[in-house]
Amino acid sequence: MRPSHLALGVLVAAVWGVNFTVIEIGLDHFPPLLFSALRFLAAALPAVFFTGRPKVAWKWIVAVGLVLGVAKFGLVFVGMDAGMPAGLSSLVLQVQAVFTAVIAAAVLGERPTGVRVLGMLVACAGIGVAAVDEGASGPLGAFAMVVGAAAAWGVSNVLTRKASPPDALNFMVWVSTVPVLPLLALSLLTEGSSRDLAALRGLDWQGAGALLFVAWVSTVFGFGAWGWLLRRHPASTVAPFSLLVPVFGMTSAALFLGEPVSPLRWCAAALLVGGVALTSVTRPRREEDPCDGDGPGREDPADDVHAEGAGPRGRAGTAGTAPAAARG
């Protein structure tokens, strides 16, 4: 992989990690469901007019839009608004790799290897340690919401695999059109029109900046760059960059939000990142690029890509997780 490609992979991970801190800032200006709806609206417009027609069936766009956009991001934003720390959220969401493997085994018949099973057990141990740490200092209900968001992310990964989108950016832009109205409806029902209107009327540069970052930088740029890398390199080469997301997430939250990182949280981070790394281990390639890896390699069709903002892979027939951009 060329140095410029390495730098791009690290940049995407940094963007997705810092995104959790930016979401925390945005939640000071918007109710969580309204913020999530506006995020997808800004990601879809005007990009939808420049990406071309959808390249997969609408049933997959709607399904992923509802599961990823409404369930996953709705739970993340509400959970963080209820007290889940930004850094811990960036870490706990990585357990989506375990949910993806379990759901793929149940639905697609993909049998995990012994190493992947070990990785799932290690990652689950990390979640347990994180729950103990959060239970001593924060609301467990908010923690459970983010774990639920990771489960929804796993479902969306399997749906994306079934959809097999050939263009990651095109798929994500069209997926972003789906959650807007459901999230707005949920916001009106649960957060109230008066609170929503007050947030819109009081919008300042900081709130607008947070919204544009999560929509354009984290979603449009992040997914576009991730898909670009996946079209040029094997998934196993790109996937490890996603393990940097919680590193950037926890670091940026500590630096900009003053979030403490307890010894238990560091232990949870080590277990989760290590477990996800093992879960991402793939079988050796049948054929490797004889050059420097700057062309697409041949992939095991059962491989997964684990990243911050669940998103499609750049090759038909496979799906990855990104992020989702993503508090995601």
C-alpha atoms as a PDB file:
ATOM      1  CA  MET A   1       0.000   0.000   0.000  1.00  0.00           C
ATOM      2  CA  ARG A   2       1.407   3.392  -0.980  1.00  0.00           C
ATOM      3  CA  PRO A   3       2.211   5.914   1.791  1.00  0.00           C
ATOM      4  CA  SER A   4      -0.573   8.196   0.525  1.00  0.00           C
ATOM      5  CA  HIS A   5      -3.057   5.329   0.814  1.00  0.00           C
ATOM      6  CA  LEU A   6      -1.814   4.528   4.322  1.00  0.00           C
ATOM      7  CA  ALA A   7      -2.280   8.175   5.271  1.00  0.00           C
ATOM      8  CA  LEU A   8      -5.807   8.153   3.855  1.00  0.00           C
ATOM      9  CA  GLY A   9      -6.718   5.068   5.893  1.00  0.00           C
ATOM     10  CA  VAL A  10      -5.442   6.689   9.081  1.00  0.00           C
ATOM     11  CA  LEU A  11      -7.251   9.934   8.197  1.00  0.00           C
ATOM     12  CA  VAL A  12     -10.588   8.144   7.769  1.00  0.00           C
ATOM     13  CA  ALA A  13     -10.121   6.390  11.122  1.00  0.00           C
ATOM     14  CA  ALA A  14      -9.273   9.735  12.747  1.00  0.00           C
ATOM     15  CA  VAL A  15     -12.352  11.389  11.226  1.00  0.00           C
ATOM     16  CA  TRP A  16     -14.626   8.594  12.412  1.00  0.00           C
ATOM     17  CA  GLY A  17     -13.069   8.647  15.890  1.00  0.00           C
ATOM     18  CA  VAL A  18     -13.272  12.421  16.313  1.00  0.00           C
ATOM     19  CA  ASN A  19     -16.836  12.218  14.986  1.00  0.00           C
ATOM     20  CA  PHE A  20     -18.007  10.942  18.388  1.00  0.00           C
ATOM     21  CA  THR A  21     -16.667  14.053  20.076  1.00  0.00           C
ATOM     22  CA  VAL A  22     -18.323  16.240  17.446  1.00  0.00           C
ATOM     23  CA  ILE A  23     -21.637  14.453  18.007  1.00  0.00           C
ATOM     24  CA  GLU A  24     -21.322  15.180  21.732  1.00  0.00           C
ATOM     25  CA  ILE A  25     -20.915  18.857  20.878  1.00  0.00           C
ATOM     26  CA  GLY A  26     -23.850  18.719  18.464  1.00  0.00           C
ATOM     27  CA  LEU A  27     -26.100  17.224  21.125  1.00  0.00           C
ATOM     28  CA  ASP A  28     -25.685  20.423  23.108  1.00  0.00           C
ATOM     29  CA  HIS A  29     -27.511  22.171  20.252  1.00  0.00           C
ATOM     30  CA  PHE A  30     -30.039  19.613  18.977  1.00  0.00           C
ATOM     31  CA  PRO A  31     -32.340  16.949  20.416  1.00  0.00           C
ATOM     32  CA  PRO A  32     -30.764  13.587  19.516  1.00  0.00           C
ATOM     33  CA  LEU A  33     -33.335  12.304  17.010  1.00  0.00           C
ATOM     34  CA  LEU A  34     -33.603  15.677  15.278  1.00  0.00           C
ATOM     35  CA  PHE A  35     -29.798  15.844  15.092  1.00  0.00           C
ATOM     36  CA  SER A  36     -29.680  12.383  13.529  1.00  0.00           C
ATOM     37  CA  ALA A  37     -32.383  13.304  11.001  1.00  0.00           C
ATOM     38  CA  LEU A  38     -30.586  16.503  10.007  1.00  0.00           C
ATOM     39  CA  ARG A  39     -27.324  14.577   9.710  1.00  0.00           C
ATOM     40  CA  PHE A  40     -28.813  12.260   7.071  1.00  0.00           C
ATOM     41  CA  LEU A  41     -30.619  15.100   5.333  1.00  0.00           C
ATOM     42  CA  ALA A  42     -27.376  17.039   4.963  1.00  0.00           C
ATOM     43  CA  ALA A  43     -25.532  13.888   3.833  1.00  0.00           C
ATOM     44  CA  ALA A  44     -28.153  13.152   1.164  1.00  0.00           C
ATOM     45  CA  LEU A  45     -28.558  16.701  -0.167  1.00  0.00           C
ATOM     46  CA  PRO A  46     -27.232  17.808  -2.540  1.00  0.00           C
ATOM     47  CA  ALA A  47     -25.061  14.681  -3.012  1.00  0.00           C
ATOM     48  CA  VAL A  48     -27.999  12.584  -4.227  1.00  0.00           C
ATOM     49  CA  PHE A  49     -28.196  14.732  -7.366  1.00  0.00           C
ATOM     50  CA  PHE A  50     -24.571  14.008  -8.307  1.00  0.00           C
ATOM     51  CA  THR A  51     -24.066  10.323  -7.497  1.00  0.00           C
ATOM     52  CA  GLY A  52     -26.340   8.913 -10.194  1.00  0.00           C
ATOM     53  CA  ARG A  53     -29.205   6.458  -9.902  1.00  0.00           C
ATOM     54  CA  PRO A  54     -29.154   3.751  -7.222  1.00  0.00           C
ATOM     55  CA  LYS A  55     -27.088   0.747  -8.280  1.00  0.00           C
ATOM     56  CA  VAL A  56     -28.970  -1.788  -6.121  1.00  0.00           C
ATOM     57  CA  ALA A  57     -32.650  -2.614  -5.629  1.00  0.00           C
ATOM     58  CA  TRP A  58     -34.685  -0.168  -3.548  1.00  0.00           C
ATOM     59  CA  LYS A  59     -35.605  -2.905  -1.059  1.00  0.00           C
ATOM     60  CA  TRP A  60     -31.985  -3.033   0.094  1.00  0.00           C
ATOM     61  CA  ILE A  61     -31.660   0.749   0.287  1.00  0.00           C
ATOM     62  CA  VAL A  62     -34.828   1.000   2.394  1.00  0.00           C
ATOM     63  CA  ALA A  63     -33.876  -1.934   4.629  1.00  0.00           C
ATOM     64  CA  VAL A  64     -30.365  -0.658   5.334  1.00  0.00           C
ATOM     65  CA  GLY A  65     -31.655   2.898   5.714  1.00  0.00           C
ATOM     66  CA  LEU A  66     -34.120   1.862   8.409  1.00  0.00           C
ATOM     67  CA  VAL A  67     -31.804  -0.489  10.300  1.00  0.00           C
ATOM     68  CA  LEU A  68     -28.626   1.569  10.026  1.00  0.00           C
ATOM     69  CA  GLY A  69     -30.067   5.080   9.934  1.00  0.00           C
ATOM     70  CA  VAL A  70     -33.064   4.836  12.245  1.00  0.00           C
ATOM     71  CA  ALA A  71     -32.194   1.962  14.622  1.00  0.00           C
ATOM     72  CA  LYS A  72     -28.408   2.153  14.843  1.00  0.00           C
ATOM     73  CA  PHE A  73     -27.829   5.889  14.731  1.00  0.00           C
ATOM     74  CA  GLY A  74     -31.045   6.668  16.592  1.00  0.00           C
ATOM     75  CA  LEU A  75     -29.912   4.482  19.486  1.00  0.00           C
ATOM     76  CA  VAL A  76     -26.373   5.898  19.431  1.00  0.00           C
ATOM     77  CA  PHE A  77     -27.523   9.518  19.496  1.00  0.00           C
ATOM     78  CA  VAL A  78     -30.176   8.906  22.163  1.00  0.00           C
ATOM     79  CA  GLY A  79     -27.769   6.825  24.233  1.00  0.00           C
ATOM     80  CA  MET A  80     -25.094   9.497  24.125  1.00  0.00           C
ATOM     81  CA  ASP A  81     -27.646  12.170  24.946  1.00  0.00           C
ATOM     82  CA  ALA A  82     -28.667  10.045  27.950  1.00  0.00           C
ATOM     83  CA  GLY A  83     -25.135  10.057  29.311  1.00  0.00           C
ATOM     84  CA  MET A  84     -23.030   7.541  27.391  1.00  0.00           C
ATOM     85  CA  PRO A  85     -19.544   9.097  27.037  1.00  0.00           C
ATOM     86  CA  ALA A  86     -18.300   9.803  23.515  1.00  0.00           C
ATOM     87  CA  GLY A  87     -15.031   7.908  23.907  1.00  0.00           C
ATOM     88  CA  LEU A  88     -16.680   4.854  25.407  1.00  0.00           C
ATOM     89  CA  SER A  89     -19.333   4.916  22.663  1.00  0.00           C
ATOM     90  CA  SER A  90     -16.638   4.802  19.982  1.00  0.00           C
ATOM     91  CA  LEU A  91     -15.198   1.752  21.720  1.00  0.00           C
ATOM     92  CA  VAL A  92     -18.375  -0.188  22.527  1.00  0.00           C
ATOM     93  CA  LEU A  93     -19.726   0.175  18.993  1.00  0.00           C
ATOM     94  CA  GLN A  94     -16.855  -1.966  17.734  1.00  0.00           C
ATOM     95  CA  VAL A  95     -18.618  -5.015  19.165  1.00  0.00           C
ATOM     96  CA  GLN A  96     -20.659  -4.812  15.951  1.00  0.00           C
ATOM     97  CA  ALA A  97     -17.965  -7.116  14.556  1.00  0.00           C
ATOM     98  CA  VAL A  98     -19.212  -9.860  16.893  1.00  0.00           C
ATOM     99  CA  PHE A  99     -22.863  -9.243  16.050  1.00  0.00           C
ATOM    100  CA  THR A 100     -22.024  -9.268  12.337  1.00  0.00           C
ATOM    101  CA  ALA A 101     -20.232 -12.619  12.590  1.00  0.00           C
ATOM    102  CA  VAL A 102     -23.042 -14.196  14.649  1.00  0.00           C
ATOM    103  CA  ILE A 103     -25.826 -12.914  12.378  1.00  0.00           C
ATOM    104  CA  ALA A 104     -23.911 -13.888   9.230  1.00  0.00           C
ATOM    105  CA  ALA A 105     -23.486 -17.396  10.637  1.00  0.00           C
ATOM    106  CA  ALA A 106     -27.209 -17.679  11.417  1.00  0.00           C
ATOM    107  CA  VAL A 107     -28.565 -16.047   8.251  1.00  0.00           C
ATOM    108  CA  LEU A 108     -25.910 -16.650   5.605  1.00  0.00           C
ATOM    109  CA  GLY A 109     -24.498 -19.921   6.909  1.00  0.00           C
ATOM    110  CA  GLU A 110     -20.996 -18.462   7.247  1.00  0.00           C
ATOM    111  CA  ARG A 111     -19.252 -20.656   9.811  1.00  0.00           C
ATOM    112  CA  PRO A 112     -16.723 -18.667  11.868  1.00  0.00           C
ATOM    113  CA  THR A 113     -13.239 -20.085  12.303  1.00  0.00           C
ATOM    114  CA  GLY A 114     -11.869 -20.997  15.710  1.00  0.00           C
ATOM    115  CA  VAL A 115      -9.815 -17.786  15.761  1.00  0.00           C
ATOM    116  CA  ARG A 116     -12.911 -15.696  15.071  1.00  0.00           C
ATOM    117  CA  VAL A 117     -14.834 -17.467  17.840  1.00  0.00           C
ATOM    118  CA  LEU A 118     -11.961 -16.695  20.215  1.00  0.00           C
ATOM    119  CA  GLY A 119     -12.061 -13.079  19.062  1.00  0.00           C
ATOM    120  CA  MET A 120     -15.786 -12.873  19.770  1.00  0.00           C
ATOM    121  CA  LEU A 121     -15.289 -14.217  23.289  1.00  0.00           C
ATOM    122  CA  VAL A 122     -12.466 -11.746  23.966  1.00  0.00           C
ATOM    123  CA  ALA A 123     -14.555  -8.837  22.622  1.00  0.00           C
ATOM    124  CA  CYS A 124     -17.531  -9.884  24.773  1.00  0.00           C
ATOM    125  CA  ALA A 125     -15.228  -9.917  27.788  1.00  0.00           C
ATOM    126  CA  GLY A 126     -14.270  -6.362  26.880  1.00  0.00           C
ATOM    127  CA  ILE A 127     -17.934  -5.366  26.779  1.00  0.00           C
ATOM    128  CA  GLY A 128     -18.379  -6.897  30.231  1.00  0.00           C
ATOM    129  CA  VAL A 129     -15.470  -4.903  31.633  1.00  0.00           C
ATOM    130  CA  ALA A 130     -16.797  -1.719  29.978  1.00  0.00           C
ATOM    131  CA  ALA A 131     -20.235  -2.366  31.505  1.00  0.00           C
ATOM    132  CA  VAL A 132     -18.702  -2.729  34.962  1.00  0.00           C
ATOM    133  CA  ASP A 133     -16.781   0.520  34.461  1.00  0.00           C
ATOM    134  CA  GLU A 134     -19.846   2.387  33.176  1.00  0.00           C
ATOM    135  CA  GLY A 135     -22.051   0.935  35.923  1.00  0.00           C
ATOM    136  CA  ALA A 136     -19.764   2.494  38.486  1.00  0.00           C
ATOM    137  CA  SER A 137     -19.870   5.953  36.920  1.00  0.00           C
ATOM    138  CA  GLY A 138     -22.724   6.316  34.417  1.00  0.00           C
ATOM    139  CA  PRO A 139     -26.198   5.149  33.323  1.00  0.00           C
ATOM    140  CA  LEU A 140     -26.338   1.495  32.285  1.00  0.00           C
ATOM    141  CA  GLY A 141     -29.455   2.206  30.224  1.00  0.00           C
ATOM    142  CA  ALA A 142     -27.478   4.493  27.918  1.00  0.00           C
ATOM    143  CA  PHE A 143     -24.745   1.834  27.724  1.00  0.00           C
ATOM    144  CA  ALA A 144     -27.356  -0.760  26.704  1.00  0.00           C
ATOM    145  CA  MET A 145     -28.628   1.555  23.941  1.00  0.00           C
ATOM    146  CA  VAL A 146     -25.174   1.743  22.378  1.00  0.00           C
ATOM    147  CA  VAL A 147     -24.796  -2.047  22.591  1.00  0.00           C
ATOM    148  CA  GLY A 148     -28.209  -2.286  20.888  1.00  0.00           C
ATOM    149  CA  ALA A 149     -26.921   0.108  18.226  1.00  0.00           C
ATOM    150  CA  ALA A 150     -23.980  -2.232  17.631  1.00  0.00           C
ATOM    151  CA  ALA A 151     -26.442  -5.109  17.156  1.00  0.00           C
ATOM    152  CA  ALA A 152     -28.421  -3.057  14.614  1.00  0.00           C
ATOM    153  CA  TRP A 153     -25.140  -2.270  12.885  1.00  0.00           C
ATOM    154  CA  GLY A 154     -24.466  -5.993  12.606  1.00  0.00           C
ATOM    155  CA  VAL A 155     -27.864  -6.534  10.972  1.00  0.00           C
ATOM    156  CA  SER A 156     -27.210  -3.717   8.503  1.00  0.00           C
ATOM    157  CA  ASN A 157     -23.835  -5.247   7.616  1.00  0.00           C
ATOM    158  CA  VAL A 158     -25.500  -8.519   6.665  1.00  0.00           C
ATOM    159  CA  LEU A 159     -28.166  -6.654   4.681  1.00  0.00           C
ATOM    160  CA  THR A 160     -25.426  -4.739   2.873  1.00  0.00           C
ATOM    161  CA  ARG A 161     -23.690  -8.004   2.052  1.00  0.00           C
ATOM    162  CA  LYS A 162     -26.933  -9.235   0.488  1.00  0.00           C
ATOM    163  CA  ALA A 163     -27.328  -5.982  -1.421  1.00  0.00           C
ATOM    164  CA  SER A 164     -23.768  -6.222  -2.825  1.00  0.00           C
ATOM    165  CA  PRO A 165     -23.481  -2.529  -3.758  1.00  0.00           C
ATOM    166  CA  PRO A 166     -20.799  -1.937  -6.408  1.00  0.00           C
ATOM    167  CA  ASP A 167     -20.359   1.730  -5.389  1.00  0.00           C
ATOM    168  CA  ALA A 168     -19.945   2.505  -1.676  1.00  0.00           C
ATOM    169  CA  LEU A 169     -20.564   6.250  -1.928  1.00  0.00           C
ATOM    170  CA  ASN A 170     -23.598   5.926  -4.203  1.00  0.00           C
ATOM    171  CA  PHE A 171     -25.122   3.366  -1.853  1.00  0.00           C
ATOM    172  CA  MET A 172     -24.496   5.432   1.293  1.00  0.00           C
ATOM    173  CA  VAL A 173     -25.913   8.617  -0.212  1.00  0.00           C
ATOM    174  CA  TRP A 174     -29.130   6.867  -1.251  1.00  0.00           C
ATOM    175  CA  VAL A 175     -29.344   5.051   2.099  1.00  0.00           C
ATOM    176  CA  SER A 176     -29.106   8.473   3.755  1.00  0.00           C
ATOM    177  CA  THR A 177     -32.374   9.541   2.111  1.00  0.00           C
ATOM    178  CA  VAL A 178     -34.370   6.845   3.931  1.00  0.00           C
ATOM    179  CA  PRO A 179     -33.994   7.697   7.663  1.00  0.00           C
ATOM    180  CA  VAL A 180     -34.820  11.411   7.367  1.00  0.00           C
ATOM    181  CA  LEU A 181     -38.618  11.251   7.559  1.00  0.00           C
ATOM    182  CA  PRO A 182     -38.838   8.392  10.125  1.00  0.00           C
ATOM    183  CA  LEU A 183     -36.357  10.153  12.409  1.00  0.00           C
ATOM    184  CA  LEU A 184     -38.170  13.476  12.040  1.00  0.00           C
ATOM    185  CA  ALA A 185     -41.472  11.765  12.889  1.00  0.00           C
ATOM    186  CA  LEU A 186     -39.930  10.102  15.948  1.00  0.00           C
ATOM    187  CA  SER A 187     -38.431  13.418  16.996  1.00  0.00           C
ATOM    188  CA  LEU A 188     -41.790  15.179  16.792  1.00  0.00           C
ATOM    189  CA  LEU A 189     -43.460  12.383  18.762  1.00  0.00           C
ATOM    190  CA  THR A 190     -40.856  12.019  21.520  1.00  0.00           C
ATOM    191  CA  GLU A 191     -38.930  15.296  21.620  1.00  0.00           C
ATOM    192  CA  GLY A 192     -41.747  17.644  20.692  1.00  0.00           C
ATOM    193  CA  SER A 193     -42.144  20.254  17.983  1.00  0.00           C
ATOM    194  CA  SER A 194     -41.435  23.131  20.385  1.00  0.00           C
ATOM    195  CA  ARG A 195     -38.039  21.690  21.342  1.00  0.00           C
ATOM    196  CA  ASP A 196     -37.178  20.989  17.712  1.00  0.00           C
ATOM    197  CA  LEU A 197     -38.154  24.495  16.586  1.00  0.00           C
ATOM    198  CA  ALA A 198     -36.221  26.067  19.450  1.00  0.00           C
ATOM    199  CA  ALA A 199     -33.112  24.150  18.398  1.00  0.00           C
ATOM    200  CA  LEU A 200     -33.471  25.274  14.781  1.00  0.00           C
ATOM    201  CA  ARG A 201     -34.131  28.904  15.711  1.00  0.00           C
ATOM    202  CA  GLY A 202     -31.168  28.982  18.070  1.00  0.00           C
ATOM    203  CA  LEU A 203     -28.756  27.393  15.604  1.00  0.00           C
ATOM    204  CA  ASP A 204     -25.288  28.958  15.841  1.00  0.00           C
ATOM    205  CA  TRP A 205     -21.970  28.382  14.086  1.00  0.00           C
ATOM    206  CA  GLN A 206     -20.932  25.648  16.515  1.00  0.00           C
ATOM    207  CA  GLY A 207     -24.124  23.630  16.005  1.00  0.00           C
ATOM    208  CA  ALA A 208     -23.985  24.137  12.233  1.00  0.00           C
ATOM    209  CA  GLY A 209     -20.338  23.108  12.176  1.00  0.00           C
ATOM    210  CA  ALA A 210     -21.055  19.929  14.133  1.00  0.00           C
ATOM    211  CA  LEU A 211     -23.894  19.072  11.764  1.00  0.00           C
ATOM    212  CA  LEU A 212     -21.799  19.631   8.643  1.00  0.00           C
ATOM    213  CA  PHE A 213     -18.912  17.596  10.069  1.00  0.00           C
ATOM    214  CA  VAL A 214     -21.003  14.504  10.872  1.00  0.00           C
ATOM    215  CA  ALA A 215     -22.833  14.758   7.533  1.00  0.00           C
ATOM    216  CA  TRP A 216     -20.205  15.762   4.992  1.00  0.00           C
ATOM    217  CA  VAL A 217     -16.857  14.927   6.556  1.00  0.00           C
ATOM    218  CA  SER A 218     -17.714  11.776   8.507  1.00  0.00           C
ATOM    219  CA  THR A 219     -20.410  10.358   6.221  1.00  0.00           C
ATOM    220  CA  VAL A 220     -19.781  11.551   2.661  1.00  0.00           C
ATOM    221  CA  PHE A 221     -15.979  11.875   2.782  1.00  0.00           C
ATOM    222  CA  GLY A 222     -15.480   8.966   5.207  1.00  0.00           C
ATOM    223  CA  PHE A 223     -17.540   6.424   3.305  1.00  0.00           C
ATOM    224  CA  GLY A 224     -16.315   7.680  -0.054  1.00  0.00           C
ATOM    225  CA  ALA A 225     -12.649   7.368   0.943  1.00  0.00           C
ATOM    226  CA  TRP A 226     -13.222   3.988   2.616  1.00  0.00           C
ATOM    227  CA  GLY A 227     -14.911   2.639  -0.501  1.00  0.00           C
ATOM    228  CA  TRP A 228     -12.091   4.061  -2.664  1.00  0.00           C
ATOM    229  CA  LEU A 229      -9.516   2.179  -0.578  1.00  0.00           C
ATOM    230  CA  LEU A 230     -11.535  -1.031  -0.718  1.00  0.00           C
ATOM    231  CA  ARG A 231     -11.688  -0.873  -4.509  1.00  0.00           C
ATOM    232  CA  ARG A 232      -7.885  -0.802  -4.609  1.00  0.00           C
ATOM    233  CA  HIS A 233      -6.811  -3.112  -1.800  1.00  0.00           C
ATOM    234  CA  PRO A 234      -7.925  -6.381  -0.215  1.00  0.00           C
ATOM    235  CA  ALA A 235     -10.369  -5.974   2.651  1.00  0.00           C
ATOM    236  CA  SER A 236      -7.877  -7.542   5.063  1.00  0.00           C
ATOM    237  CA  THR A 237      -5.450  -4.733   4.224  1.00  0.00           C
ATOM    238  CA  VAL A 238      -7.984  -1.941   4.808  1.00  0.00           C
ATOM    239  CA  ALA A 239      -9.893  -3.420   7.768  1.00  0.00           C
ATOM    240  CA  PRO A 240      -7.166  -2.937  10.434  1.00  0.00           C
ATOM    241  CA  PHE A 241      -7.423   0.843  10.054  1.00  0.00           C
ATOM    242  CA  SER A 242     -10.864   0.634  11.693  1.00  0.00           C
ATOM    243  CA  LEU A 243      -9.207  -0.535  14.910  1.00  0.00           C
ATOM    244  CA  LEU A 244      -7.785   2.992  15.210  1.00  0.00           C
ATOM    245  CA  VAL A 245     -11.296   4.493  15.466  1.00  0.00           C
ATOM    246  CA  PRO A 246     -11.751   3.972  19.237  1.00  0.00           C
ATOM    247  CA  VAL A 247      -8.159   5.147  19.799  1.00  0.00           C
ATOM    248  CA  PHE A 248      -8.964   8.467  18.131  1.00  0.00           C
ATOM    249  CA  GLY A 249     -12.421   8.488  19.716  1.00  0.00           C
ATOM    250  CA  MET A 250     -11.221   8.048  23.287  1.00  0.00           C
ATOM    251  CA  THR A 251      -8.248  10.385  22.795  1.00  0.00           C
ATOM    252  CA  SER A 252     -10.287  13.218  21.264  1.00  0.00           C
ATOM    253  CA  ALA A 253     -12.966  12.867  23.950  1.00  0.00           C
ATOM    254  CA  ALA A 254     -10.306  13.100  26.655  1.00  0.00           C
ATOM    255  CA  LEU A 255      -8.620  16.104  25.028  1.00  0.00           C
ATOM    256  CA  PHE A 256     -11.656  18.155  23.989  1.00  0.00           C
ATOM    257  CA  LEU A 257     -14.382  17.006  26.384  1.00  0.00           C
ATOM    258  CA  GLY A 258     -12.286  16.197  29.410  1.00  0.00           C
ATOM    259  CA  GLU A 259     -13.616  12.631  29.615  1.00  0.00           C
ATOM    260  CA  PRO A 260     -11.581  10.550  32.077  1.00  0.00           C
ATOM    261  CA  VAL A 261     -10.197   7.199  30.960  1.00  0.00           C
ATOM    262  CA  SER A 262     -10.120   4.833  33.922  1.00  0.00           C
ATOM    263  CA  PRO A 263      -7.853   1.764  34.171  1.00  0.00           C
ATOM    264  CA  LEU A 264     -10.950  -0.415  33.688  1.00  0.00           C
ATOM    265  CA  ARG A 265     -11.745   1.438  30.473  1.00  0.00           C
ATOM    266  CA  TRP A 266      -8.220   0.890  29.166  1.00  0.00           C
ATOM    267  CA  CYS A 267      -8.614  -2.806  29.986  1.00  0.00           C
ATOM    268  CA  ALA A 268     -11.956  -2.887  28.146  1.00  0.00           C
ATOM    269  CA  ALA A 269     -10.335  -1.126  25.185  1.00  0.00           C
ATOM    270  CA  ALA A 270      -7.526  -3.670  25.000  1.00  0.00           C
ATOM    271  CA  LEU A 271      -9.956  -6.592  25.133  1.00  0.00           C
ATOM    272  CA  LEU A 272     -12.408  -5.102  22.618  1.00  0.00           C
ATOM    273  CA  VAL A 273      -9.818  -3.996  20.083  1.00  0.00           C
ATOM    274  CA  GLY A 274      -7.942  -7.283  20.434  1.00  0.00           C
ATOM    275  CA  GLY A 275     -11.144  -9.287  20.105  1.00  0.00           C
ATOM    276  CA  VAL A 276     -12.277  -7.349  17.042  1.00  0.00           C
ATOM    277  CA  ALA A 277      -8.818  -7.824  15.513  1.00  0.00           C
ATOM    278  CA  LEU A 278      -9.118 -11.591  15.971  1.00  0.00           C
ATOM    279  CA  THR A 279     -12.687 -11.545  14.644  1.00  0.00           C
ATOM    280  CA  SER A 280     -11.403  -9.776  11.524  1.00  0.00           C
ATOM    281  CA  VAL A 281      -8.743 -12.413  10.814  1.00  0.00           C
ATOM    282  CA  THR A 282      -9.322 -13.909   7.378  1.00  0.00           C
ATOM    283  CA  ARG A 283      -8.084 -16.946   5.528  1.00  0.00           C
ATOM    284  CA  PRO A 284      -4.976 -16.521   3.364  1.00  0.00           C
ATOM    285  CA  ARG A 285      -5.571 -15.167  -0.110  1.00  0.00           C
ATOM    286  CA  ARG A 286      -5.493 -17.616  -2.969  1.00  0.00           C
ATOM    287  CA  GLU A 287      -3.630 -15.005  -4.981  1.00  0.00           C
ATOM    288  CA  GLU A 288      -1.751 -11.883  -3.932  1.00  0.00           C
ATOM    289  CA  ASP A 289      -0.945  -8.829  -5.983  1.00  0.00           C
ATOM    290  CA  PRO A 290       2.711  -9.230  -7.024  1.00  0.00           C
ATOM    291  CA  CYS A 291       3.231  -5.470  -6.825  1.00  0.00           C
ATOM    292  CA  ASP A 292       2.809  -3.261  -3.766  1.00  0.00           C
ATOM    293  CA  GLY A 293      -0.833  -3.932  -3.122  1.00  0.00           C
ATOM    294  CA  ASP A 294      -2.092  -0.965  -5.092  1.00  0.00           C
ATOM    295  CA  GLY A 295      -4.520  -3.032  -7.100  1.00  0.00           C
ATOM    296  CA  PRO A 296      -7.496  -4.981  -5.824  1.00  0.00           C
ATOM    297  CA  GLY A 297      -6.608  -8.366  -4.386  1.00  0.00           C
ATOM    298  CA  ARG A 298      -8.710 -11.492  -4.553  1.00  0.00           C
ATOM    299  CA  GLU A 299     -10.876 -11.801  -1.499  1.00  0.00           C
ATOM    300  CA  ASP A 300     -12.456 -14.498   0.546  1.00  0.00           C
ATOM    301  CA  PRO A 301     -16.155 -13.770   0.054  1.00  0.00           C
ATOM    302  CA  ALA A 302     -16.768 -14.330   3.748  1.00  0.00           C
ATOM    303  CA  ASP A 303     -14.486 -11.480   4.841  1.00  0.00           C
ATOM    304  CA  ASP A 304     -15.908  -8.549   6.790  1.00  0.00           C
ATOM    305  CA  VAL A 305     -14.591  -5.027   7.115  1.00  0.00           C
ATOM    306  CA  HIS A 306     -15.036  -3.521  10.562  1.00  0.00           C
ATOM    307  CA  ALA A 307     -15.054   0.225  10.890  1.00  0.00           C
ATOM    308  CA  GLU A 308     -16.717   3.086  12.677  1.00  0.00           C
ATOM    309  CA  GLY A 309     -19.674   3.785  10.494  1.00  0.00           C
ATOM    310  CA  ALA A 310     -21.121   0.700   8.967  1.00  0.00           C
ATOM    311  CA  GLY A 311     -20.903   0.933   5.267  1.00  0.00           C
ATOM    312  CA  PRO A 312     -20.614  -1.129   2.138  1.00  0.00           C
ATOM    313  CA  ARG A 313     -17.490  -2.593   0.745  1.00  0.00           C
ATOM    314  CA  GLY A 314     -16.208  -1.480  -2.564  1.00  0.00           C
ATOM    315  CA  ARG A 315     -16.737  -4.886  -4.255  1.00  0.00           C
ATOM    316  CA  ALA A 316     -19.911  -6.601  -5.247  1.00  0.00           C
ATOM    317  CA  GLY A 317     -20.848  -9.509  -3.074  1.00  0.00           C
ATOM    318  CA  THR A 318     -19.231  -8.257   0.109  1.00  0.00           C
ATOM    319  CA  ALA A 319     -20.144  -5.874   2.848  1.00  0.00           C
ATOM    320  CA  GLY A 320     -18.179  -3.969   5.403  1.00  0.00           C
ATOM    321  CA  THR A 321     -18.752  -1.817   8.397  1.00  0.00           C
ATOM    322  CA  ALA A 322     -17.662   1.606   8.673  1.00  0.00           C
ATOM    323  CA  PRO A 323     -18.550   4.520  10.092  1.00  0.00           C
ATOM    324  CA  ALA A 324     -20.570   4.620  10.548  1.00  0.00           C
ATOM    325  CA  ALA A 325     -18.879   7.679  10.538  1.00  0.00           C
ATOM    326  CA  ALA A 326     -20.522   7.319  12.961  1.00  0.00           C
ATOM    327  CA  ARG A 327     -21.406   8.762  17.040  1.00  0.00           C
ATOM    328  CA  GLY A 328     -21.054   6.962  14.428  1.00  0.00           C
END
